[in-house]
Amino acid sequence: MRIRLSVALTLSIVATAYAEKPAPYPKMAPLDQYLMADRNAEIALARTAAPASISGDATIMVLTKRGYEEAVKGKNGFVCLIGRSWLAPLDEPELWNPKIRAPICLNAPAVRSVLPLQFQLTAFALSGATREQMVVKLKATLATKSFAPETGAMSYMMGKDQHLSDRDNHWHPHLMFYMPSTIGEAVLGANLAASPVVGGPSVVAGVGTMPVSTFYVLLDKWSDGTPAEAHVH
């Protein structure tokens, strides 16, 4: 959804690369392709989303055939996990890309107000729903008006080994801030020349305007402190 919840909701930025081409991933691949066989490797990759000072004490969740499950109990309120392709907006060309691995660490307000919808999208995907069926389910879910970002909801996506799309798998290390959909781009000076802030309100075909505006603040270092390579978009 263009609520751009996660991780992976960053994928909406690269959608234009496929605007005139057939969808590269028309349907969901076998579930095993989305899972990581090595549980410890998934935990380690999830921790790369944020500096160790944050992710080291975070709760870590891993994806199973039943959905996301707690693998490590944390103590600082953050939750880190690996976002999969279906956490992107449902009209994304790479919605079913099994290679997507998007490490993200959400703070406590985002865990309470953003993560539940990520889990709902995951449940839709794991149920075997098609893209079209997920759109219907998402529209019905949002009609309940039970999802809205808490004040201060944000997340870290600073993992050097992230794969956010086939076009630009690493993109930029960045922070994500979740705000009410009434907050427009101009309020934060987003998407202007030389501005480090991108994103804003968005609309998903078949669903409508999303209840959350997601803004990205681009960073110049990965979570381990090494410099990020320059990207041109």
Protein backbone atom coordinates (compact mmCIF):
# COMPACT_ATOMS: atom_id res chain seq x y z
CA MET A 1 0.00 0.00 0.00
CA ARG A 2 1.23 3.48 -0.61
CA ILE A 3 1.05 3.95 3.08
CA ARG A 4 4.63 2.81 2.36
CA LEU A 5 4.90 0.90 5.56
CA SER A 6 8.13 -0.66 5.25
CA VAL A 7 10.33 -1.27 4.37
CA ALA A 8 9.91 -2.11 1.39
CA LEU A 9 7.43 0.43 0.90
CA THR A 10 10.45 2.24 -0.40
CA LEU A 11 9.90 0.22 -3.56
CA SER A 12 7.30 2.71 -4.71
CA ILE A 13 10.06 5.14 -5.61
CA VAL A 14 11.42 2.87 -8.34
CA ALA A 15 8.09 1.86 -9.87
CA THR A 16 8.41 4.20 -12.84
CA ALA A 17 11.16 2.00 -14.26
CA TYR A 18 8.50 -0.54 -15.15
CA ALA A 19 5.64 1.79 -16.05
CA GLU A 20 5.63 0.81 -19.72
CA LYS A 21 6.63 -2.85 -19.30
CA PRO A 22 4.74 -6.03 -18.38
CA ALA A 23 4.81 -6.85 -14.67
CA PRO A 24 8.07 -8.76 -14.09
CA TYR A 25 6.48 -10.82 -11.31
CA PRO A 26 2.83 -11.45 -12.28
CA LYS A 27 2.05 -13.85 -9.43
CA MET A 28 3.40 -15.11 -6.14
CA ALA A 29 6.26 -17.60 -6.34
CA PRO A 30 6.34 -20.74 -4.15
CA LEU A 31 6.41 -19.63 -0.50
CA ASP A 32 9.79 -21.21 0.22
CA GLN A 33 11.41 -18.66 -2.09
CA TYR A 34 10.36 -15.86 0.27
CA LEU A 35 11.58 -17.60 3.41
CA MET A 36 15.15 -17.71 4.71
CA ALA A 37 16.29 -21.21 5.60
CA ASP A 38 18.95 -19.95 8.01
CA ARG A 39 17.13 -18.41 10.97
CA ASN A 40 20.32 -16.93 12.40
CA ALA A 41 21.12 -15.29 9.08
CA GLU A 42 17.68 -13.67 9.04
CA ILE A 43 18.18 -12.39 12.58
CA ALA A 44 21.59 -10.96 11.70
CA LEU A 45 20.28 -9.29 8.53
CA ALA A 46 17.34 -7.78 10.42
CA ARG A 47 19.74 -6.20 12.92
CA THR A 48 21.58 -4.38 10.11
CA ALA A 49 18.57 -2.10 9.64
CA ALA A 50 19.75 0.16 12.46
CA PRO A 51 23.00 0.89 14.28
CA ALA A 52 23.95 -1.80 16.79
CA SER A 53 23.20 0.61 19.64
CA ILE A 54 19.54 0.28 18.62
CA SER A 55 19.17 -3.12 16.97
CA GLY A 56 21.31 -4.87 19.59
CA ASP A 57 18.54 -4.51 22.17
CA ALA A 58 15.60 -4.78 19.75
CA THR A 59 13.07 -7.57 19.42
CA ILE A 60 13.80 -9.55 16.25
CA MET A 61 11.07 -11.21 14.22
CA VAL A 62 11.51 -13.75 11.42
CA LEU A 63 9.11 -14.81 8.68
CA THR A 64 7.68 -18.32 8.82
CA LYS A 65 4.94 -20.07 6.87
CA ARG A 66 2.55 -18.84 9.57
CA GLY A 67 3.68 -15.23 9.45
CA TYR A 68 6.20 -13.21 11.44
CA GLU A 69 7.24 -14.76 14.75
CA GLU A 70 9.40 -13.46 17.57
CA ALA A 71 12.90 -14.94 17.45
CA VAL A 72 14.66 -12.69 19.97
CA LYS A 73 13.03 -10.81 22.84
CA GLY A 74 14.25 -7.22 23.03
CA LYS A 75 14.12 -4.56 25.71
CA ASN A 76 14.22 -1.14 24.04
CA GLY A 77 10.83 -1.09 22.30
CA PHE A 78 12.22 -1.46 18.77
CA VAL A 79 11.28 -4.35 16.50
CA CYS A 80 13.53 -5.38 13.61
CA LEU A 81 12.54 -7.70 10.79
CA ILE A 82 13.08 -8.38 7.09
CA GLY A 83 10.31 -6.96 4.95
CA ARG A 84 9.23 -8.97 1.92
CA SER A 85 7.88 -7.75 -1.38
CA TRP A 86 4.18 -7.62 -0.40
CA LEU A 87 4.86 -4.86 2.12
CA ALA A 88 5.27 -2.53 -0.84
CA PRO A 89 2.24 -0.76 -2.33
CA LEU A 90 -0.03 -3.35 -3.92
CA ASP A 91 0.29 -1.77 -7.36
CA GLU A 92 4.06 -2.18 -7.39
CA PRO A 93 5.49 -4.15 -10.36
CA GLU A 94 7.72 -6.13 -7.98
CA LEU A 95 4.93 -7.02 -5.54
CA TRP A 96 5.81 -10.72 -5.85
CA ASN A 97 9.59 -10.44 -6.23
CA PRO A 98 10.94 -13.25 -3.98
CA LYS A 99 14.39 -11.65 -3.88
CA ILE A 100 13.24 -8.63 -1.88
CA ARG A 101 14.91 -8.44 1.51
CA ALA A 102 14.29 -5.15 3.30
CA PRO A 103 15.73 -4.93 6.83
CA ILE A 104 13.75 -2.48 8.95
CA CYS A 105 13.72 -1.51 12.62
CA LEU A 106 10.54 0.20 13.84
CA ASN A 107 10.33 2.24 17.02
CA ALA A 108 7.66 1.63 19.67
CA PRO A 109 5.02 4.02 18.23
CA ALA A 110 5.47 2.42 14.79
CA VAL A 111 5.34 -1.08 16.30
CA ARG A 112 1.96 -0.23 17.82
CA SER A 113 0.44 1.66 14.90
CA VAL A 114 2.24 0.61 11.68
CA LEU A 115 3.45 -2.95 12.20
CA PRO A 116 -0.06 -4.41 12.66
CA LEU A 117 -0.96 -3.46 9.10
CA GLN A 118 2.31 -4.96 7.84
CA PHE A 119 1.31 -8.18 9.57
CA GLN A 120 -2.13 -7.97 7.96
CA LEU A 121 -0.59 -7.63 4.50
CA THR A 122 1.63 -10.60 5.25
CA ALA A 123 -1.40 -12.65 6.26
CA PHE A 124 -3.09 -11.76 2.98
CA ALA A 125 -0.05 -12.89 0.99
CA LEU A 126 0.47 -16.10 2.94
CA SER A 127 -3.19 -17.00 2.47
CA GLY A 128 -2.52 -17.31 -1.26
CA ALA A 129 -4.48 -14.19 -2.22
CA THR A 130 -3.81 -12.72 -5.65
CA ARG A 131 -2.87 -9.08 -6.14
CA GLU A 132 -6.48 -8.30 -7.01
CA GLN A 133 -7.78 -10.12 -3.94
CA MET A 134 -5.28 -8.31 -1.73
CA VAL A 135 -6.51 -4.97 -3.05
CA VAL A 136 -10.08 -5.90 -2.09
CA LYS A 137 -8.98 -7.11 1.35
CA LEU A 138 -6.86 -4.02 1.97
CA LYS A 139 -9.67 -1.68 0.97
CA ALA A 140 -12.00 -3.44 3.39
CA THR A 141 -9.39 -3.34 6.14
CA LEU A 142 -8.75 0.38 5.73
CA ALA A 143 -12.50 1.07 5.70
CA THR A 144 -12.52 0.16 9.40
CA LYS A 145 -10.36 3.24 10.01
CA SER A 146 -8.46 1.30 12.66
CA PHE A 147 -5.02 2.17 11.32
CA ALA A 148 -3.36 5.53 11.90
CA PRO A 149 0.25 6.39 12.75
CA GLU A 150 1.04 7.42 16.30
CA THR A 151 2.92 10.64 16.88
CA GLY A 152 6.63 9.91 16.59
CA ALA A 153 6.24 6.70 14.56
CA MET A 154 9.39 6.06 12.53
CA SER A 155 11.78 3.35 11.39
CA TYR A 156 15.37 2.76 10.34
CA MET A 157 16.35 1.22 7.01
CA MET A 158 20.13 1.44 6.99
CA GLY A 159 21.08 -2.13 6.07
CA LYS A 160 23.94 -2.31 3.60
CA ASP A 161 22.77 -5.69 2.28
CA GLN A 162 19.17 -4.68 1.64
CA HIS A 163 17.61 -5.68 -1.70
CA LEU A 164 14.70 -3.30 -2.30
CA SER A 165 14.22 -3.87 -6.02
CA ASP A 166 15.91 -5.41 -9.03
CA ARG A 167 16.56 -1.96 -10.43
CA ASP A 168 18.36 -0.53 -7.41
CA ASN A 169 18.72 -3.14 -4.74
CA HIS A 170 20.55 -1.07 -2.13
CA TRP A 171 19.01 2.36 -2.79
CA HIS A 172 19.97 4.74 0.06
CA PRO A 173 20.25 4.16 3.79
CA HIS A 174 17.34 6.15 5.19
CA LEU A 175 14.93 6.89 7.99
CA MET A 176 11.15 6.67 7.52
CA PHE A 177 8.67 8.89 9.32
CA TYR A 178 4.97 7.99 9.36
CA MET A 179 2.48 10.88 9.51
CA PRO A 180 -1.23 11.42 8.91
CA SER A 181 -2.16 11.57 5.24
CA THR A 182 -3.14 15.20 5.71
CA ILE A 183 0.56 16.09 5.95
CA GLY A 184 1.66 17.01 2.43
CA GLU A 185 5.06 17.27 0.80
CA ALA A 186 5.28 21.05 1.11
CA VAL A 187 5.06 20.91 4.90
CA LEU A 188 8.43 19.15 5.06
CA GLY A 189 9.94 20.54 1.85
CA ALA A 190 10.00 17.01 0.49
CA ASN A 191 10.99 16.13 -3.07
CA LEU A 192 12.58 19.52 -3.76
CA ALA A 193 16.02 19.98 -5.29
CA ALA A 194 18.79 19.09 -2.81
CA SER A 195 16.25 18.23 -0.11
CA PRO A 196 17.17 15.09 1.87
CA VAL A 197 13.46 14.41 2.38
CA VAL A 198 11.38 12.47 -0.15
CA GLY A 199 7.97 10.82 -0.08
CA GLY A 200 4.58 12.04 1.06
CA PRO A 201 0.91 11.09 0.68
CA SER A 202 0.02 8.52 -1.93
CA VAL A 203 -2.77 6.64 -3.63
CA VAL A 204 -3.04 2.96 -4.55
CA ALA A 205 -5.07 1.94 -7.59
CA GLY A 206 -8.27 0.23 -6.50
CA VAL A 207 -7.81 1.26 -2.87
CA GLY A 208 -7.64 5.05 -2.83
CA THR A 209 -5.75 7.51 -0.67
CA MET A 210 -3.77 5.85 2.06
CA PRO A 211 -4.20 7.01 5.68
CA VAL A 212 -0.47 7.57 6.18
CA SER A 213 2.08 9.86 4.59
CA THR A 214 5.54 8.33 4.67
CA PHE A 215 8.57 10.57 4.42
CA TYR A 216 12.12 9.33 3.88
CA VAL A 217 15.20 11.13 5.13
CA LEU A 218 18.21 10.02 3.10
CA LEU A 219 21.46 9.28 4.91
CA ASP A 220 25.06 9.05 3.78
CA LYS A 221 26.15 6.12 5.97
CA TRP A 222 25.04 2.53 6.46
CA SER A 223 24.25 1.20 9.92
CA ASP A 224 27.81 -0.01 10.38
CA GLY A 225 29.12 3.53 9.84
CA THR A 226 30.62 2.97 6.40
CA PRO A 227 29.84 5.58 3.72
CA ALA A 228 27.02 4.89 1.30
CA GLU A 229 27.78 5.10 -2.41
CA ALA A 230 26.19 7.98 -4.27
CA HIS A 231 23.00 7.12 -6.12
CA VAL A 232 21.37 8.98 -8.96
CA HIS A 233 17.62 8.73 -9.52
